[in-house]
Amino acid sequence: MEFDFSNILFSLADMIKQKLIQYDDLNGLNQLKLSKIKAMSMF
């Protein structure tokens, strides 16, 4: 997977959708960012 740091939240959400990572792997991330990633990974 290629990372685009300007869109890292989209990249993380996509990785969750592809089951490459889990929400637990994002432990320690800012709560607002985590909420955005969770929302984006639903679609």
C-alpha atoms as a PDB file:
ATOM      1  CA  MET A   1       0.000   0.000   0.000  1.00  0.00           C
ATOM      2  CA  GLU A   2       1.297   3.430  -0.879  1.00  0.00           C
ATOM      3  CA  PHE A   3       0.790   6.170   1.704  1.00  0.00           C
ATOM      4  CA  ASP A   4      -0.200   9.696   0.858  1.00  0.00           C
ATOM      5  CA  PHE A   5       0.488  11.581   4.077  1.00  0.00           C
ATOM      6  CA  SER A   6      -1.883  14.403   3.135  1.00  0.00           C
ATOM      7  CA  ASN A   7      -4.709  11.836   3.200  1.00  0.00           C
ATOM      8  CA  ILE A   8      -3.511   9.523   5.967  1.00  0.00           C
ATOM      9  CA  LEU A   9      -6.961   9.255   7.564  1.00  0.00           C
ATOM     10  CA  PHE A  10      -8.410   7.988   4.271  1.00  0.00           C
ATOM     11  CA  SER A  11      -5.515   5.542   3.958  1.00  0.00           C
ATOM     12  CA  LEU A  12      -6.088   4.191   7.468  1.00  0.00           C
ATOM     13  CA  ALA A  13      -9.834   3.880   6.870  1.00  0.00           C
ATOM     14  CA  ASP A  14      -9.148   1.993   3.641  1.00  0.00           C
ATOM     15  CA  MET A  15      -6.731  -0.327   5.442  1.00  0.00           C
ATOM     16  CA  ILE A  16      -9.436  -1.092   8.013  1.00  0.00           C
ATOM     17  CA  LYS A  17     -11.925  -1.858   5.233  1.00  0.00           C
ATOM     18  CA  GLN A  18      -9.402  -4.226   3.644  1.00  0.00           C
ATOM     19  CA  LYS A  19      -8.826  -5.843   7.056  1.00  0.00           C
ATOM     20  CA  LEU A  20      -5.119  -4.995   6.965  1.00  0.00           C
ATOM     21  CA  ILE A  21      -5.369  -3.305  10.370  1.00  0.00           C
ATOM     22  CA  GLN A  22      -7.915  -3.171  13.189  1.00  0.00           C
ATOM     23  CA  TYR A  23      -9.179  -0.301  15.309  1.00  0.00           C
ATOM     24  CA  ASP A  24      -7.059  -1.573  18.206  1.00  0.00           C
ATOM     25  CA  ASP A  25      -3.962  -0.925  16.087  1.00  0.00           C
ATOM     26  CA  LEU A  26      -4.786   2.785  16.216  1.00  0.00           C
ATOM     27  CA  ASN A  27      -4.617   2.935  20.012  1.00  0.00           C
ATOM     28  CA  GLY A  28      -3.223   6.276  21.178  1.00  0.00           C
ATOM     29  CA  LEU A  29      -4.516   8.225  18.212  1.00  0.00           C
ATOM     30  CA  ASN A  30      -6.357  11.491  18.828  1.00  0.00           C
ATOM     31  CA  GLN A  31     -10.044  10.730  19.544  1.00  0.00           C
ATOM     32  CA  LEU A  32     -11.275  13.120  16.843  1.00  0.00           C
ATOM     33  CA  LYS A  33      -9.068  11.482  14.214  1.00  0.00           C
ATOM     34  CA  LEU A  34     -10.121   8.026  15.359  1.00  0.00           C
ATOM     35  CA  SER A  35     -13.792   9.004  15.051  1.00  0.00           C
ATOM     36  CA  LYS A  36     -13.203  10.269  11.513  1.00  0.00           C
ATOM     37  CA  ILE A  37     -11.405   7.068  10.535  1.00  0.00           C
ATOM     38  CA  LYS A  38     -14.251   4.950  11.926  1.00  0.00           C
ATOM     39  CA  ALA A  39     -16.831   6.992   9.989  1.00  0.00           C
ATOM     40  CA  MET A  40     -14.857   6.818   6.742  1.00  0.00           C
ATOM     41  CA  SER A  41     -14.298   3.076   7.039  1.00  0.00           C
ATOM     42  CA  MET A  42     -18.053   2.451   7.032  1.00  0.00           C
ATOM     43  CA  PHE A  43     -18.452   3.475   3.395  1.00  0.00           C
END
